[in-house]
């Protein structure tokens, strides 16, 4: 997996990006989440967004997923 600058991400960095993308997918598709689950997942996405942005992965805009 490469970032926006074309640099290959390390294994740990890939895992962080995959975690972010997985949570985003759950928030977009997960209609059955309890309010506390959605709220805490959004907090986790916001924190991981900082990491993914720092890796130059272009994480997109948080408003697109309702955070």
PDB file of N, CA and C in Angstrom:
ATOM      1  N   UNK A   1       0.857  -1.166   0.000  1.00  0.00           N
ATOM      2  CA  UNK A   1       0.000   0.000   0.000  1.00  0.00           C
ATOM      3  C   UNK A   1       0.904   1.229   0.000  1.00  0.00           C
ATOM      4  N   UNK A   2       0.615   2.156  -0.895  1.00  0.00           N
ATOM      5  CA  UNK A   2       1.409   3.376  -0.995  1.00  0.00           C
ATOM      6  C   UNK A   2       0.577   4.571  -0.557  1.00  0.00           C
ATOM      7  N   UNK A   3       1.259   5.570  -0.005  1.00  0.00           N
ATOM      8  CA  UNK A   3       0.569   6.787   0.392  1.00  0.00           C
ATOM      9  C   UNK A   3       0.427   7.720  -0.815  1.00  0.00           C
ATOM     10  N   UNK A   4      -0.096   8.913  -0.583  1.00  0.00           N
ATOM     11  CA  UNK A   4      -0.326   9.865  -1.672  1.00  0.00           C
ATOM     12  C   UNK A   4       0.968  10.319  -2.335  1.00  0.00           C
ATOM     13  N   UNK A   5       2.078  10.188  -1.644  1.00  0.00           N
ATOM     14  CA  UNK A   5       3.371  10.593  -2.198  1.00  0.00           C
ATOM     15  C   UNK A   5       4.064   9.441  -2.919  1.00  0.00           C
ATOM     16  N   UNK A   6       3.429   8.272  -2.936  1.00  0.00           N
ATOM     17  CA  UNK A   6       4.000   7.116  -3.613  1.00  0.00           C
ATOM     18  C   UNK A   6       4.973   6.316  -2.775  1.00  0.00           C
ATOM     19  N   UNK A   7       5.033   6.601  -1.484  1.00  0.00           N
ATOM     20  CA  UNK A   7       5.934   5.881  -0.578  1.00  0.00           C
ATOM     21  C   UNK A   7       5.213   4.647  -0.042  1.00  0.00           C
ATOM     22  N   UNK A   8       5.886   3.519  -0.091  1.00  0.00           N
ATOM     23  CA  UNK A   8       5.317   2.268   0.419  1.00  0.00           C
ATOM     24  C   UNK A   8       5.218   2.338   1.944  1.00  0.00           C
ATOM     25  N   UNK A   9       4.034   2.021   2.475  1.00  0.00           N
ATOM     26  CA  UNK A   9       3.834   2.032   3.920  1.00  0.00           C
ATOM     27  C   UNK A   9       4.363   0.749   4.528  1.00  0.00           C
ATOM     28  N   UNK A  10       4.865   0.855   5.755  1.00  0.00           N
ATOM     29  CA  UNK A  10       5.314  -0.317   6.490  1.00  0.00           C
ATOM     30  C   UNK A  10       4.125  -1.125   6.990  1.00  0.00           C
ATOM     31  N   UNK A  11       4.398  -2.289   7.543  1.00  0.00           N
ATOM     32  CA  UNK A  11       3.336  -3.179   8.005  1.00  0.00           C
ATOM     33  C   UNK A  11       2.464  -2.525   9.084  1.00  0.00           C
ATOM     34  N   UNK A  12       3.081  -1.891  10.056  1.00  0.00           N
ATOM     35  CA  UNK A  12       2.322  -1.236  11.125  1.00  0.00           C
ATOM     36  C   UNK A  12       1.503  -0.068  10.587  1.00  0.00           C
ATOM     37  N   UNK A  13       2.091   0.680   9.669  1.00  0.00           N
ATOM     38  CA  UNK A  13       1.380   1.813   9.067  1.00  0.00           C
ATOM     39  C   UNK A  13       0.184   1.321   8.259  1.00  0.00           C
ATOM     40  N   UNK A  14       0.358   0.233   7.516  1.00  0.00           N
ATOM     41  CA  UNK A  14      -0.745  -0.353   6.747  1.00  0.00           C
ATOM     42  C   UNK A  14      -1.872  -0.790   7.669  1.00  0.00           C
ATOM     43  N   UNK A  15      -1.509  -1.375   8.796  1.00  0.00           N
ATOM     44  CA  UNK A  15      -2.520  -1.824   9.754  1.00  0.00           C
ATOM     45  C   UNK A  15      -3.321  -0.645  10.288  1.00  0.00           C
ATOM     46  N   UNK A  16      -2.652   0.464  10.565  1.00  0.00           N
ATOM     47  CA  UNK A  16      -3.360   1.660  11.027  1.00  0.00           C
ATOM     48  C   UNK A  16      -4.317   2.187   9.963  1.00  0.00           C
ATOM     49  N   UNK A  17      -3.859   2.241   8.721  1.00  0.00           N
ATOM     50  CA  UNK A  17      -4.710   2.713   7.630  1.00  0.00           C
ATOM     51  C   UNK A  17      -5.895   1.771   7.442  1.00  0.00           C
ATOM     52  N   UNK A  18      -5.652   0.472   7.487  1.00  0.00           N
ATOM     53  CA  UNK A  18      -6.732  -0.505   7.341  1.00  0.00           C
ATOM     54  C   UNK A  18      -7.741  -0.386   8.486  1.00  0.00           C
ATOM     55  N   UNK A  19      -7.257  -0.102   9.688  1.00  0.00           N
ATOM     56  CA  UNK A  19      -8.155   0.103  10.829  1.00  0.00           C
ATOM     57  C   UNK A  19      -9.050   1.308  10.596  1.00  0.00           C
ATOM     58  N   UNK A  20      -8.451   2.379  10.121  1.00  0.00           N
ATOM     59  CA  UNK A  20      -9.213   3.592   9.810  1.00  0.00           C
ATOM     60  C   UNK A  20     -10.276   3.297   8.748  1.00  0.00           C
ATOM     61  N   UNK A  21      -9.857   2.669   7.656  1.00  0.00           N
ATOM     62  CA  UNK A  21     -10.788   2.384   6.559  1.00  0.00           C
ATOM     63  C   UNK A  21     -11.902   1.431   6.996  1.00  0.00           C
ATOM     64  N   UNK A  22     -11.563   0.475   7.851  1.00  0.00           N
ATOM     65  CA  UNK A  22     -12.571  -0.446   8.362  1.00  0.00           C
ATOM     66  C   UNK A  22     -13.609   0.254   9.217  1.00  0.00           C
ATOM     67  N   UNK A  23     -13.165   1.151  10.081  1.00  0.00           N
ATOM     68  CA  UNK A  23     -14.107   1.902  10.910  1.00  0.00           C
ATOM     69  C   UNK A  23     -14.973   2.827  10.075  1.00  0.00           C
ATOM     70  N   UNK A  24     -14.389   3.447   9.067  1.00  0.00           N
ATOM     71  CA  UNK A  24     -15.166   4.315   8.178  1.00  0.00           C
ATOM     72  C   UNK A  24     -16.250   3.495   7.484  1.00  0.00           C
ATOM     73  N   UNK A  25     -15.891   2.312   7.022  1.00  0.00           N
ATOM     74  CA  UNK A  25     -16.850   1.429   6.350  1.00  0.00           C
ATOM     75  C   UNK A  25     -17.988   1.052   7.303  1.00  0.00           C
ATOM     76  N   UNK A  26     -17.645   0.726   8.545  1.00  0.00           N
ATOM     77  CA  UNK A  26     -18.672   0.369   9.532  1.00  0.00           C
ATOM     78  C   UNK A  26     -19.606   1.549   9.780  1.00  0.00           C
ATOM     79  N   UNK A  27     -19.055   2.743   9.890  1.00  0.00           N
ATOM     80  CA  UNK A  27     -19.898   3.911  10.139  1.00  0.00           C
ATOM     81  C   UNK A  27     -20.793   4.239   8.953  1.00  0.00           C
ATOM     82  N   UNK A  28     -20.296   4.032   7.748  1.00  0.00           N
ATOM     83  CA  UNK A  28     -21.116   4.311   6.568  1.00  0.00           C
ATOM     84  C   UNK A  28     -22.204   3.260   6.372  1.00  0.00           C
ATOM     85  N   UNK A  29     -21.885   1.991   6.630  1.00  0.00           N
ATOM     86  CA  UNK A  29     -22.803   0.890   6.341  1.00  0.00           C
ATOM     87  C   UNK A  29     -23.557   0.372   7.562  1.00  0.00           C
ATOM     88  N   UNK A  30     -23.053   0.658   8.751  1.00  0.00           N
ATOM     89  CA  UNK A  30     -23.624   0.080   9.962  1.00  0.00           C
ATOM     90  C   UNK A  30     -24.851   0.810  10.447  1.00  0.00           C
ATOM     91  N   UNK A  31     -25.992   0.374   9.972  1.00  0.00           N
ATOM     92  CA  UNK A  31     -27.260   0.992  10.380  1.00  0.00           C
ATOM     93  C   UNK A  31     -27.758   0.426  11.705  1.00  0.00           C
ATOM     94  N   UNK A  32     -27.152  -0.661  12.161  1.00  0.00           N
ATOM     95  CA  UNK A  32     -27.625  -1.329  13.370  1.00  0.00           C
ATOM     96  C   UNK A  32     -26.800  -0.988  14.607  1.00  0.00           C
ATOM     97  N   UNK A  33     -25.970   0.044  14.530  1.00  0.00           N
ATOM     98  CA  UNK A  33     -25.140   0.419  15.672  1.00  0.00           C
ATOM     99  C   UNK A  33     -25.978   1.151  16.725  1.00  0.00           C
ATOM    100  N   UNK A  34     -25.723   0.824  17.964  1.00  0.00           N
ATOM    101  CA  UNK A  34     -26.341   1.566  19.058  1.00  0.00           C
ATOM    102  C   UNK A  34     -25.718   2.962  19.108  1.00  0.00           C
ATOM    103  N   UNK A  35     -26.421   3.933  19.671  1.00  0.00           N
ATOM    104  CA  UNK A  35     -25.872   5.298  19.706  1.00  0.00           C
ATOM    105  C   UNK A  35     -24.484   5.389  20.346  1.00  0.00           C
ATOM    106  N   UNK A  36     -24.252   4.646  21.434  1.00  0.00           N
ATOM    107  CA  UNK A  36     -22.937   4.724  22.072  1.00  0.00           C
ATOM    108  C   UNK A  36     -21.862   4.090  21.186  1.00  0.00           C
ATOM    109  N   UNK A  37     -22.233   3.057  20.441  1.00  0.00           N
ATOM    110  CA  UNK A  37     -21.275   2.418  19.532  1.00  0.00           C
ATOM    111  C   UNK A  37     -20.883   3.375  18.406  1.00  0.00           C
ATOM    112  N   UNK A  38     -21.871   4.037  17.807  1.00  0.00           N
ATOM    113  CA  UNK A  38     -21.604   4.993  16.740  1.00  0.00           C
ATOM    114  C   UNK A  38     -20.744   6.147  17.256  1.00  0.00           C
ATOM    115  N   UNK A  39     -21.104   6.687  18.416  1.00  0.00           N
ATOM    116  CA  UNK A  39     -20.380   7.826  18.978  1.00  0.00           C
ATOM    117  C   UNK A  39     -18.925   7.477  19.264  1.00  0.00           C
ATOM    118  N   UNK A  40     -18.690   6.328  19.878  1.00  0.00           N
ATOM    119  CA  UNK A  40     -17.318   5.929  20.197  1.00  0.00           C
ATOM    120  C   UNK A  40     -16.528   5.559  18.954  1.00  0.00           C
ATOM    121  N   UNK A  41     -17.178   4.952  17.962  1.00  0.00           N
ATOM    122  CA  UNK A  41     -16.499   4.659  16.696  1.00  0.00           C
ATOM    123  C   UNK A  41     -16.111   5.953  15.989  1.00  0.00           C
ATOM    124  N   UNK A  42     -16.959   6.967  16.066  1.00  0.00           N
ATOM    125  CA  UNK A  42     -16.631   8.260  15.442  1.00  0.00           C
ATOM    126  C   UNK A  42     -15.436   8.908  16.137  1.00  0.00           C
ATOM    127  N   UNK A  43     -15.359   8.768  17.437  1.00  0.00           N
ATOM    128  CA  UNK A  43     -14.197   9.294  18.162  1.00  0.00           C
ATOM    129  C   UNK A  43     -12.925   8.577  17.737  1.00  0.00           C
ATOM    130  N   UNK A  44     -13.019   7.266  17.581  1.00  0.00           N
ATOM    131  CA  UNK A  44     -11.862   6.479  17.146  1.00  0.00           C
ATOM    132  C   UNK A  44     -11.448   6.866  15.727  1.00  0.00           C
ATOM    133  N   UNK A  45     -12.422   7.074  14.846  1.00  0.00           N
ATOM    134  CA  UNK A  45     -12.122   7.495  13.475  1.00  0.00           C
ATOM    135  C   UNK A  45     -11.434   8.854  13.478  1.00  0.00           C
ATOM    136  N   UNK A  46     -11.918   9.770  14.294  1.00  0.00           N
ATOM    137  CA  UNK A  46     -11.306  11.097  14.353  1.00  0.00           C
ATOM    138  C   UNK A  46      -9.853  11.010  14.812  1.00  0.00           C
ATOM    139  N   UNK A  47      -9.579  10.134  15.787  1.00  0.00           N
ATOM    140  CA  UNK A  47      -8.205   9.969  16.256  1.00  0.00           C
ATOM    141  C   UNK A  47      -7.337   9.313  15.189  1.00  0.00           C
ATOM    142  N   UNK A  48      -7.861   8.277  14.539  1.00  0.00           N
ATOM    143  CA  UNK A  48      -7.097   7.599  13.490  1.00  0.00           C
ATOM    144  C   UNK A  48      -6.924   8.479  12.260  1.00  0.00           C
ATOM    145  N   UNK A  49      -7.859   9.402  12.030  1.00  0.00           N
ATOM    146  CA  UNK A  49      -7.734  10.328  10.906  1.00  0.00           C
ATOM    147  C   UNK A  49      -6.428  11.108  11.021  1.00  0.00           C
ATOM    148  N   UNK A  50      -6.093  11.514  12.241  1.00  0.00           N
ATOM    149  CA  UNK A  50      -4.844  12.258  12.464  1.00  0.00           C
ATOM    150  C   UNK A  50      -3.637  11.423  12.065  1.00  0.00           C
ATOM    151  N   UNK A  51      -3.659  10.159  12.403  1.00  0.00           N
ATOM    152  CA  UNK A  51      -2.555   9.250  12.068  1.00  0.00           C
ATOM    153  C   UNK A  51      -2.460   9.066  10.557  1.00  0.00           C
ATOM    154  N   UNK A  52      -3.600   8.757   9.936  1.00  0.00           N
ATOM    155  CA  UNK A  52      -3.621   8.498   8.498  1.00  0.00           C
ATOM    156  C   UNK A  52      -3.227   9.751   7.714  1.00  0.00           C
ATOM    157  N   UNK A  53      -3.680  10.898   8.163  1.00  0.00           N
ATOM    158  CA  UNK A  53      -3.294  12.160   7.529  1.00  0.00           C
ATOM    159  C   UNK A  53      -1.787  12.378   7.658  1.00  0.00           C
ATOM    160  N   UNK A  54      -1.225  12.067   8.810  1.00  0.00           N
ATOM    161  CA  UNK A  54       0.213  12.204   9.024  1.00  0.00           C
ATOM    162  C   UNK A  54       1.032  11.259   8.163  1.00  0.00           C
ATOM    163  N   UNK A  55       0.425  10.161   7.737  1.00  0.00           N
ATOM    164  CA  UNK A  55       1.106   9.213   6.855  1.00  0.00           C
ATOM    165  C   UNK A  55       0.966   9.617   5.384  1.00  0.00           C
ATOM    166  N   UNK A  56       0.367  10.771   5.128  1.00  0.00           N
ATOM    167  CA  UNK A  56       0.130  11.263   3.757  1.00  0.00           C
ATOM    168  C   UNK A  56      -0.703  10.284   2.948  1.00  0.00           C
ATOM    169  N   UNK A  57      -1.740   9.733   3.578  1.00  0.00           N
ATOM    170  CA  UNK A  57      -2.586   8.767   2.891  1.00  0.00           C
ATOM    171  C   UNK A  57      -3.821   9.402   2.265  1.00  0.00           C
ATOM    172  N   UNK A  58      -4.082  10.672   2.528  1.00  0.00           N
ATOM    173  CA  UNK A  58      -5.268  11.371   2.023  1.00  0.00           C
ATOM    174  C   UNK A  58      -6.545  10.711   2.529  1.00  0.00           C
ATOM    175  N   UNK A  59      -6.843  10.872   3.838  1.00  0.00           N
ATOM    176  CA  UNK A  59      -7.977  10.186   4.436  1.00  0.00           C
ATOM    177  C   UNK A  59      -9.333  10.762   4.084  1.00  0.00           C
ATOM    178  N   UNK A  60      -9.380  11.832   3.321  1.00  0.00           N
ATOM    179  CA  UNK A  60     -10.657  12.423   2.976  1.00  0.00           C
ATOM    180  C   UNK A  60     -11.154  13.343   4.068  1.00  0.00           C
ATOM    181  N   UNK A  61     -12.404  13.732   3.940  1.00  0.00           N
ATOM    182  CA  UNK A  61     -13.006  14.677   4.867  1.00  0.00           C
ATOM    183  C   UNK A  61     -13.888  13.934   5.864  1.00  0.00           C
ATOM    184  N   UNK A  62     -13.734  14.236   7.129  1.00  0.00           N
ATOM    185  CA  UNK A  62     -14.528  13.564   8.161  1.00  0.00           C
ATOM    186  C   UNK A  62     -16.008  13.855   8.034  1.00  0.00           C
ATOM    187  N   UNK A  63     -16.363  14.999   7.464  1.00  0.00           N
ATOM    188  CA  UNK A  63     -17.770  15.340   7.321  1.00  0.00           C
ATOM    189  C   UNK A  63     -18.497  14.387   6.374  1.00  0.00           C
ATOM    190  N   UNK A  64     -17.777  13.729   5.479  1.00  0.00           N
ATOM    191  CA  UNK A  64     -18.385  12.800   4.543  1.00  0.00           C
ATOM    192  C   UNK A  64     -18.983  11.576   5.239  1.00  0.00           C
ATOM    193  N   UNK A  65     -18.453  11.260   6.428  1.00  0.00           N
ATOM    194  CA  UNK A  65     -18.976  10.112   7.164  1.00  0.00           C
ATOM    195  C   UNK A  65     -19.752  10.537   8.403  1.00  0.00           C
ATOM    196  N   UNK A  66     -19.966  11.818   8.569  1.00  0.00           N
ATOM    197  CA  UNK A  66     -20.784  12.308   9.660  1.00  0.00           C
ATOM    198  C   UNK A  66     -20.087  12.483  10.978  1.00  0.00           C
ATOM    199  N   UNK A  67     -18.774  12.637  10.967  1.00  0.00           N
ATOM    200  CA  UNK A  67     -18.032  12.839  12.212  1.00  0.00           C
ATOM    201  C   UNK A  67     -17.965  14.320  12.517  1.00  0.00           C
TER     202      UNK A  67
END
